Amino acid sequence: MIANDARLPNKLDGLALDTLFRTARTANAWADRAVTEQQLRELYDLMKFGPTSANCCPARFVWVTSSEGKAKLAALAAPGNAPKIVAAPVTVIVGYDLDFGEQLPKLFPARGKQMQTYFSDPVVAQTTAFRNGSLQGAYLIIAARALGLDCGPMSGFNNEAVDTNFFPGTRIKSNFICSIGYGSDGNVFPRNPRLTFEESGRII
């Protein structure tokens, strides 16, 4: 018997699961509909609650919304990605901060100060920042979908040039970029196959 005060997670209904995963698609073209700063703040305030190691929260974001910013980023992207960046209402650069340990006393009050020494090791910092920054980028995509937005995540850009132009004077490194807005039906590719449970893993 489960105690009455036990916390039971509520399973999302089918429509919600479709929105987040089953029918959600990568957007390659965009409706002429703006995404406001308020929506971006709402998006961040939702995705920030996703878990990271020691609550380190290493992801850093540049929300590119201006015509000048889009042109600057598009010039550093692969030819196939550049038009998508220009057309999208927003393209966010998802980066990871190698100096994330500076925030640990604030983010992990219980032991953050002591853990700074551990995370100061360059290899540990790189591994931790990249892994957890990638997680936070994934949370961003799920949160955007949950808020009724579409996403077009992309690689295919010059990371070093993006770091120089958008994260100058920092130890923040770009991971991937993600256009955000209201997708149109144009350029939606047929869904590709996925691996089965058995093909992707095993239970032991």
C-alpha atoms as a PDB file:
ATOM      1  CA  MET A   1       0.000   0.000   0.000  1.00  0.00           C
ATOM      2  CA  ILE A   2       1.249   3.479  -0.876  1.00  0.00           C
ATOM      3  CA  ALA A   3       1.039   6.103   1.826  1.00  0.00           C
ATOM      4  CA  ASN A   4      -1.474   8.852   1.189  1.00  0.00           C
ATOM      5  CA  ASP A   5       1.216  11.517   1.323  1.00  0.00           C
ATOM      6  CA  ALA A   6       3.518   9.746  -1.154  1.00  0.00           C
ATOM      7  CA  ARG A   7       4.477  11.825  -4.181  1.00  0.00           C
ATOM      8  CA  LEU A   8       3.166  10.083  -7.260  1.00  0.00           C
ATOM      9  CA  PRO A   9       4.234  11.372 -10.646  1.00  0.00           C
ATOM     10  CA  ASN A  10       1.378  12.037 -13.005  1.00  0.00           C
ATOM     11  CA  LYS A  11       1.751  10.370 -16.386  1.00  0.00           C
ATOM     12  CA  LEU A  12       1.216  12.846 -19.187  1.00  0.00           C
ATOM     13  CA  ASP A  13      -1.674  12.149 -21.528  1.00  0.00           C
ATOM     14  CA  GLY A  14      -1.184  11.042 -25.110  1.00  0.00           C
ATOM     15  CA  LEU A  15      -1.567  14.526 -26.561  1.00  0.00           C
ATOM     16  CA  ALA A  16       1.191  15.864 -24.325  1.00  0.00           C
ATOM     17  CA  LEU A  17       3.496  12.973 -25.223  1.00  0.00           C
ATOM     18  CA  ASP A  18       2.802  13.573 -28.904  1.00  0.00           C
ATOM     19  CA  THR A  19       3.638  17.265 -28.484  1.00  0.00           C
ATOM     20  CA  LEU A  20       6.920  16.536 -26.753  1.00  0.00           C
ATOM     21  CA  PHE A  21       8.062  13.457 -28.661  1.00  0.00           C
ATOM     22  CA  ARG A  22       5.923  11.305 -30.933  1.00  0.00           C
ATOM     23  CA  THR A  23       4.651  13.822 -33.465  1.00  0.00           C
ATOM     24  CA  ALA A  24       7.082  16.658 -32.748  1.00  0.00           C
ATOM     25  CA  ARG A  25       9.295  17.408 -35.722  1.00  0.00           C
ATOM     26  CA  THR A  26      12.413  19.419 -36.427  1.00  0.00           C
ATOM     27  CA  ALA A  27      11.356  22.698 -38.024  1.00  0.00           C
ATOM     28  CA  ASN A  28      13.165  23.798 -41.173  1.00  0.00           C
ATOM     29  CA  ALA A  29      10.831  26.635 -42.182  1.00  0.00           C
ATOM     30  CA  TRP A  30       9.028  29.197 -40.084  1.00  0.00           C
ATOM     31  CA  ALA A  31       5.685  30.970 -39.951  1.00  0.00           C
ATOM     32  CA  ASP A  32       5.782  34.767 -39.915  1.00  0.00           C
ATOM     33  CA  ARG A  33       5.044  34.948 -36.212  1.00  0.00           C
ATOM     34  CA  ALA A  34       7.216  36.584 -33.588  1.00  0.00           C
ATOM     35  CA  VAL A  35       8.600  35.054 -30.412  1.00  0.00           C
ATOM     36  CA  THR A  36       8.692  37.628 -27.632  1.00  0.00           C
ATOM     37  CA  GLU A  37      11.290  38.211 -24.945  1.00  0.00           C
ATOM     38  CA  GLN A  38       8.644  37.266 -22.398  1.00  0.00           C
ATOM     39  CA  GLN A  39       8.280  33.874 -24.096  1.00  0.00           C
ATOM     40  CA  LEU A  40      12.044  33.343 -24.041  1.00  0.00           C
ATOM     41  CA  ARG A  41      12.144  34.172 -20.348  1.00  0.00           C
ATOM     42  CA  GLU A  42       9.268  31.772 -19.719  1.00  0.00           C
ATOM     43  CA  LEU A  43      11.143  29.119 -21.682  1.00  0.00           C
ATOM     44  CA  TYR A  44      14.319  29.609 -19.669  1.00  0.00           C
ATOM     45  CA  ASP A  45      12.429  29.647 -16.375  1.00  0.00           C
ATOM     46  CA  LEU A  46      10.992  26.235 -17.243  1.00  0.00           C
ATOM     47  CA  MET A  47      14.078  24.511 -18.616  1.00  0.00           C
ATOM     48  CA  LYS A  48      16.354  25.695 -15.802  1.00  0.00           C
ATOM     49  CA  PHE A  49      14.783  23.156 -13.451  1.00  0.00           C
ATOM     50  CA  GLY A  50      16.202  20.163 -15.346  1.00  0.00           C
ATOM     51  CA  PRO A  51      18.795  18.288 -13.267  1.00  0.00           C
ATOM     52  CA  THR A  52      22.549  18.725 -13.668  1.00  0.00           C
ATOM     53  CA  SER A  53      25.519  17.296 -11.749  1.00  0.00           C
ATOM     54  CA  ALA A  54      25.784  19.067  -8.385  1.00  0.00           C
ATOM     55  CA  ASN A  55      23.303  21.579  -9.814  1.00  0.00           C
ATOM     56  CA  CYS A  56      26.248  23.017 -11.739  1.00  0.00           C
ATOM     57  CA  CYS A  57      24.070  24.562 -14.517  1.00  0.00           C
ATOM     58  CA  PRO A  58      26.963  25.137 -16.954  1.00  0.00           C
ATOM     59  CA  ALA A  59      24.865  26.016 -20.017  1.00  0.00           C
ATOM     60  CA  ARG A  60      25.026  29.607 -21.246  1.00  0.00           C
ATOM     61  CA  PHE A  61      22.744  31.060 -23.893  1.00  0.00           C
ATOM     62  CA  VAL A  62      22.819  33.807 -26.482  1.00  0.00           C
ATOM     63  CA  TRP A  63      19.313  34.435 -27.840  1.00  0.00           C
ATOM     64  CA  VAL A  64      19.850  35.820 -31.321  1.00  0.00           C
ATOM     65  CA  THR A  65      16.783  37.841 -32.324  1.00  0.00           C
ATOM     66  CA  SER A  66      18.021  40.916 -34.205  1.00  0.00           C
ATOM     67  CA  SER A  67      18.583  41.037 -37.953  1.00  0.00           C
ATOM     68  CA  GLU A  68      22.210  42.000 -37.316  1.00  0.00           C
ATOM     69  CA  GLY A  69      22.738  39.108 -34.918  1.00  0.00           C
ATOM     70  CA  LYS A  70      21.126  36.613 -37.297  1.00  0.00           C
ATOM     71  CA  ALA A  71      23.280  37.780 -40.197  1.00  0.00           C
ATOM     72  CA  LYS A  72      26.403  37.538 -38.046  1.00  0.00           C
ATOM     73  CA  LEU A  73      25.571  34.001 -36.923  1.00  0.00           C
ATOM     74  CA  ALA A  74      24.432  32.881 -40.374  1.00  0.00           C
ATOM     75  CA  ALA A  75      27.778  33.963 -41.819  1.00  0.00           C
ATOM     76  CA  LEU A  76      29.476  31.465 -39.489  1.00  0.00           C
ATOM     77  CA  ALA A  77      27.131  28.583 -40.334  1.00  0.00           C
ATOM     78  CA  ALA A  78      27.117  25.944 -43.056  1.00  0.00           C
ATOM     79  CA  PRO A  79      25.442  27.082 -46.276  1.00  0.00           C
ATOM     80  CA  GLY A  80      22.424  24.867 -45.662  1.00  0.00           C
ATOM     81  CA  ASN A  81      21.894  26.264 -42.175  1.00  0.00           C
ATOM     82  CA  ALA A  82      22.388  29.957 -42.870  1.00  0.00           C
ATOM     83  CA  PRO A  83      18.939  30.590 -44.416  1.00  0.00           C
ATOM     84  CA  LYS A  84      17.240  28.830 -41.504  1.00  0.00           C
ATOM     85  CA  ILE A  85      18.973  31.133 -39.026  1.00  0.00           C
ATOM     86  CA  VAL A  86      17.979  34.241 -40.944  1.00  0.00           C
ATOM     87  CA  ALA A  87      14.352  33.117 -41.317  1.00  0.00           C
ATOM     88  CA  ALA A  88      13.767  31.939 -37.732  1.00  0.00           C
ATOM     89  CA  PRO A  89      12.364  34.361 -35.151  1.00  0.00           C
ATOM     90  CA  VAL A  90      15.077  33.289 -32.705  1.00  0.00           C
ATOM     91  CA  THR A  91      18.170  31.137 -32.859  1.00  0.00           C
ATOM     92  CA  VAL A  92      19.746  30.387 -29.509  1.00  0.00           C
ATOM     93  CA  ILE A  93      23.428  29.549 -29.188  1.00  0.00           C
ATOM     94  CA  VAL A  94      23.728  26.875 -26.519  1.00  0.00           C
ATOM     95  CA  GLY A  95      27.145  27.074 -24.898  1.00  0.00           C
ATOM     96  CA  TYR A  96      28.851  25.643 -21.844  1.00  0.00           C
ATOM     97  CA  ASP A  97      30.973  27.557 -19.366  1.00  0.00           C
ATOM     98  CA  LEU A  98      34.254  25.976 -18.322  1.00  0.00           C
ATOM     99  CA  ASP A  99      34.244  28.362 -15.350  1.00  0.00           C
ATOM    100  CA  PHE A 100      30.883  27.099 -14.095  1.00  0.00           C
ATOM    101  CA  GLY A 101      32.514  26.294 -10.746  1.00  0.00           C
ATOM    102  CA  GLU A 102      32.481  29.990  -9.855  1.00  0.00           C
ATOM    103  CA  GLN A 103      28.708  29.737  -9.389  1.00  0.00           C
ATOM    104  CA  LEU A 104      28.737  26.587  -7.253  1.00  0.00           C
ATOM    105  CA  PRO A 105      28.574  28.331  -3.833  1.00  0.00           C
ATOM    106  CA  LYS A 106      25.339  29.940  -5.006  1.00  0.00           C
ATOM    107  CA  LEU A 107      23.919  26.919  -6.823  1.00  0.00           C
ATOM    108  CA  PHE A 108      24.896  24.231  -4.284  1.00  0.00           C
ATOM    109  CA  PRO A 109      25.021  25.995  -0.901  1.00  0.00           C
ATOM    110  CA  ALA A 110      25.590  22.785   1.062  1.00  0.00           C
ATOM    111  CA  ARG A 111      28.956  21.876  -0.513  1.00  0.00           C
ATOM    112  CA  GLY A 112      29.549  24.177  -3.460  1.00  0.00           C
ATOM    113  CA  LYS A 113      32.569  25.887  -1.976  1.00  0.00           C
ATOM    114  CA  GLN A 114      34.327  22.596  -1.287  1.00  0.00           C
ATOM    115  CA  MET A 115      33.445  21.204  -4.728  1.00  0.00           C
ATOM    116  CA  GLN A 116      35.089  24.100  -6.545  1.00  0.00           C
ATOM    117  CA  THR A 117      38.484  22.424  -6.098  1.00  0.00           C
ATOM    118  CA  TYR A 118      37.257  19.198  -7.692  1.00  0.00           C
ATOM    119  CA  PHE A 119      35.714  20.977 -10.674  1.00  0.00           C
ATOM    120  CA  SER A 120      38.773  23.171 -11.178  1.00  0.00           C
ATOM    121  CA  ASP A 121      40.582  20.232 -12.766  1.00  0.00           C
ATOM    122  CA  PRO A 122      40.559  21.049 -16.522  1.00  0.00           C
ATOM    123  CA  VAL A 123      39.537  17.561 -17.650  1.00  0.00           C
ATOM    124  CA  VAL A 124      36.773  17.310 -15.066  1.00  0.00           C
ATOM    125  CA  ALA A 125      35.565  20.805 -15.896  1.00  0.00           C
ATOM    126  CA  GLN A 126      35.464  20.095 -19.646  1.00  0.00           C
ATOM    127  CA  THR A 127      33.684  16.771 -19.253  1.00  0.00           C
ATOM    128  CA  THR A 128      31.193  18.088 -16.707  1.00  0.00           C
ATOM    129  CA  ALA A 129      30.437  21.313 -18.537  1.00  0.00           C
ATOM    130  CA  PHE A 130      29.938  19.665 -21.929  1.00  0.00           C
ATOM    131  CA  ARG A 131      27.834  16.798 -20.601  1.00  0.00           C
ATOM    132  CA  ASN A 132      25.567  18.897 -18.441  1.00  0.00           C
ATOM    133  CA  GLY A 133      25.386  21.766 -20.906  1.00  0.00           C
ATOM    134  CA  SER A 134      24.188  19.257 -23.502  1.00  0.00           C
ATOM    135  CA  LEU A 135      21.550  18.050 -21.062  1.00  0.00           C
ATOM    136  CA  GLN A 136      20.375  21.601 -20.544  1.00  0.00           C
ATOM    137  CA  GLY A 137      20.190  22.107 -24.291  1.00  0.00           C
ATOM    138  CA  ALA A 138      17.923  19.067 -24.512  1.00  0.00           C
ATOM    139  CA  TYR A 139      15.777  20.418 -21.685  1.00  0.00           C
ATOM    140  CA  LEU A 140      15.455  23.634 -23.672  1.00  0.00           C
ATOM    141  CA  ILE A 141      14.040  21.772 -26.673  1.00  0.00           C
ATOM    142  CA  ILE A 142      11.517  19.861 -24.557  1.00  0.00           C
ATOM    143  CA  ALA A 143      10.505  23.012 -22.680  1.00  0.00           C
ATOM    144  CA  ALA A 144      10.034  24.915 -25.933  1.00  0.00           C
ATOM    145  CA  ARG A 145       7.778  22.194 -27.290  1.00  0.00           C
ATOM    146  CA  ALA A 146       5.841  22.150 -24.037  1.00  0.00           C
ATOM    147  CA  LEU A 147       5.194  25.875 -24.462  1.00  0.00           C
ATOM    148  CA  GLY A 148       3.850  25.441 -27.982  1.00  0.00           C
ATOM    149  CA  LEU A 149       7.025  26.363 -29.848  1.00  0.00           C
ATOM    150  CA  ASP A 150       8.895  24.432 -32.510  1.00  0.00           C
ATOM    151  CA  CYS A 151      12.638  23.839 -32.618  1.00  0.00           C
ATOM    152  CA  GLY A 152      15.276  23.378 -35.272  1.00  0.00           C
ATOM    153  CA  PRO A 153      18.482  22.244 -33.546  1.00  0.00           C
ATOM    154  CA  MET A 154      21.626  22.385 -35.668  1.00  0.00           C
ATOM    155  CA  SER A 155      25.302  21.655 -35.723  1.00  0.00           C
ATOM    156  CA  GLY A 156      27.068  22.789 -38.862  1.00  0.00           C
ATOM    157  CA  PHE A 157      28.762  26.026 -37.859  1.00  0.00           C
ATOM    158  CA  ASN A 158      32.250  27.240 -37.034  1.00  0.00           C
ATOM    159  CA  ASN A 159      32.454  26.747 -33.269  1.00  0.00           C
ATOM    160  CA  GLU A 160      35.682  28.682 -32.830  1.00  0.00           C
ATOM    161  CA  ALA A 161      34.357  31.675 -34.768  1.00  0.00           C
ATOM    162  CA  VAL A 162      31.068  31.604 -32.866  1.00  0.00           C
ATOM    163  CA  ASP A 163      32.969  31.542 -29.571  1.00  0.00           C
ATOM    164  CA  THR A 164      35.069  34.526 -30.632  1.00  0.00           C
ATOM    165  CA  ASN A 165      32.096  36.552 -31.856  1.00  0.00           C
ATOM    166  CA  PHE A 166      29.428  35.687 -29.308  1.00  0.00           C
ATOM    167  CA  PHE A 167      31.351  34.674 -26.154  1.00  0.00           C
ATOM    168  CA  PRO A 168      34.362  37.029 -26.264  1.00  0.00           C
ATOM    169  CA  GLY A 169      36.569  37.281 -23.198  1.00  0.00           C
ATOM    170  CA  THR A 170      35.027  34.212 -21.561  1.00  0.00           C
ATOM    171  CA  ARG A 171      35.704  30.495 -21.277  1.00  0.00           C
ATOM    172  CA  ILE A 172      32.280  29.701 -22.709  1.00  0.00           C
ATOM    173  CA  LYS A 173      32.322  27.278 -25.635  1.00  0.00           C
ATOM    174  CA  SER A 174      29.520  26.826 -28.154  1.00  0.00           C
ATOM    175  CA  ASN A 175      27.852  23.417 -28.275  1.00  0.00           C
ATOM    176  CA  PHE A 176      24.985  23.644 -30.761  1.00  0.00           C
ATOM    177  CA  ILE A 177      22.458  26.146 -32.027  1.00  0.00           C
ATOM    178  CA  CYS A 178      18.686  25.860 -32.060  1.00  0.00           C
ATOM    179  CA  SER A 179      16.187  27.937 -33.989  1.00  0.00           C
ATOM    180  CA  ILE A 180      12.915  28.530 -32.144  1.00  0.00           C
ATOM    181  CA  GLY A 181       9.558  29.730 -33.395  1.00  0.00           C
ATOM    182  CA  TYR A 182       6.382  28.477 -35.001  1.00  0.00           C
ATOM    183  CA  GLY A 183       7.248  25.962 -37.678  1.00  0.00           C
ATOM    184  CA  SER A 184       5.512  25.920 -41.033  1.00  0.00           C
ATOM    185  CA  ASP A 185       4.787  22.818 -43.088  1.00  0.00           C
ATOM    186  CA  GLY A 186       7.542  23.639 -45.547  1.00  0.00           C
ATOM    187  CA  ASN A 187      10.644  21.449 -45.698  1.00  0.00           C
ATOM    188  CA  VAL A 188       9.457  18.927 -43.104  1.00  0.00           C
ATOM    189  CA  PHE A 189      11.255  15.734 -43.999  1.00  0.00           C
ATOM    190  CA  PRO A 190       9.692  12.281 -43.598  1.00  0.00           C
ATOM    191  CA  ARG A 191      10.470  10.886 -40.167  1.00  0.00           C
ATOM    192  CA  ASN A 192      13.475   8.599 -40.247  1.00  0.00           C
ATOM    193  CA  PRO A 193      13.493   5.220 -38.468  1.00  0.00           C
ATOM    194  CA  ARG A 194      14.632   4.827 -34.878  1.00  0.00           C
ATOM    195  CA  LEU A 195      16.360   1.886 -33.213  1.00  0.00           C
ATOM    196  CA  THR A 196      14.196  -0.619 -31.372  1.00  0.00           C
ATOM    197  CA  PHE A 197      14.569  -1.215 -27.650  1.00  0.00           C
ATOM    198  CA  GLU A 198      16.564  -4.382 -28.356  1.00  0.00           C
ATOM    199  CA  GLU A 199      18.794  -2.707 -30.928  1.00  0.00           C
ATOM    200  CA  SER A 200      19.701   0.128 -28.596  1.00  0.00           C
ATOM    201  CA  GLY A 201      20.288  -1.732 -25.347  1.00  0.00           C
ATOM    202  CA  ARG A 202      19.647  -4.615 -23.023  1.00  0.00           C
ATOM    203  CA  ILE A 203      18.373  -5.312 -19.543  1.00  0.00           C
ATOM    204  CA  ILE A 204      20.708  -7.198 -17.199  1.00  0.00           C
END
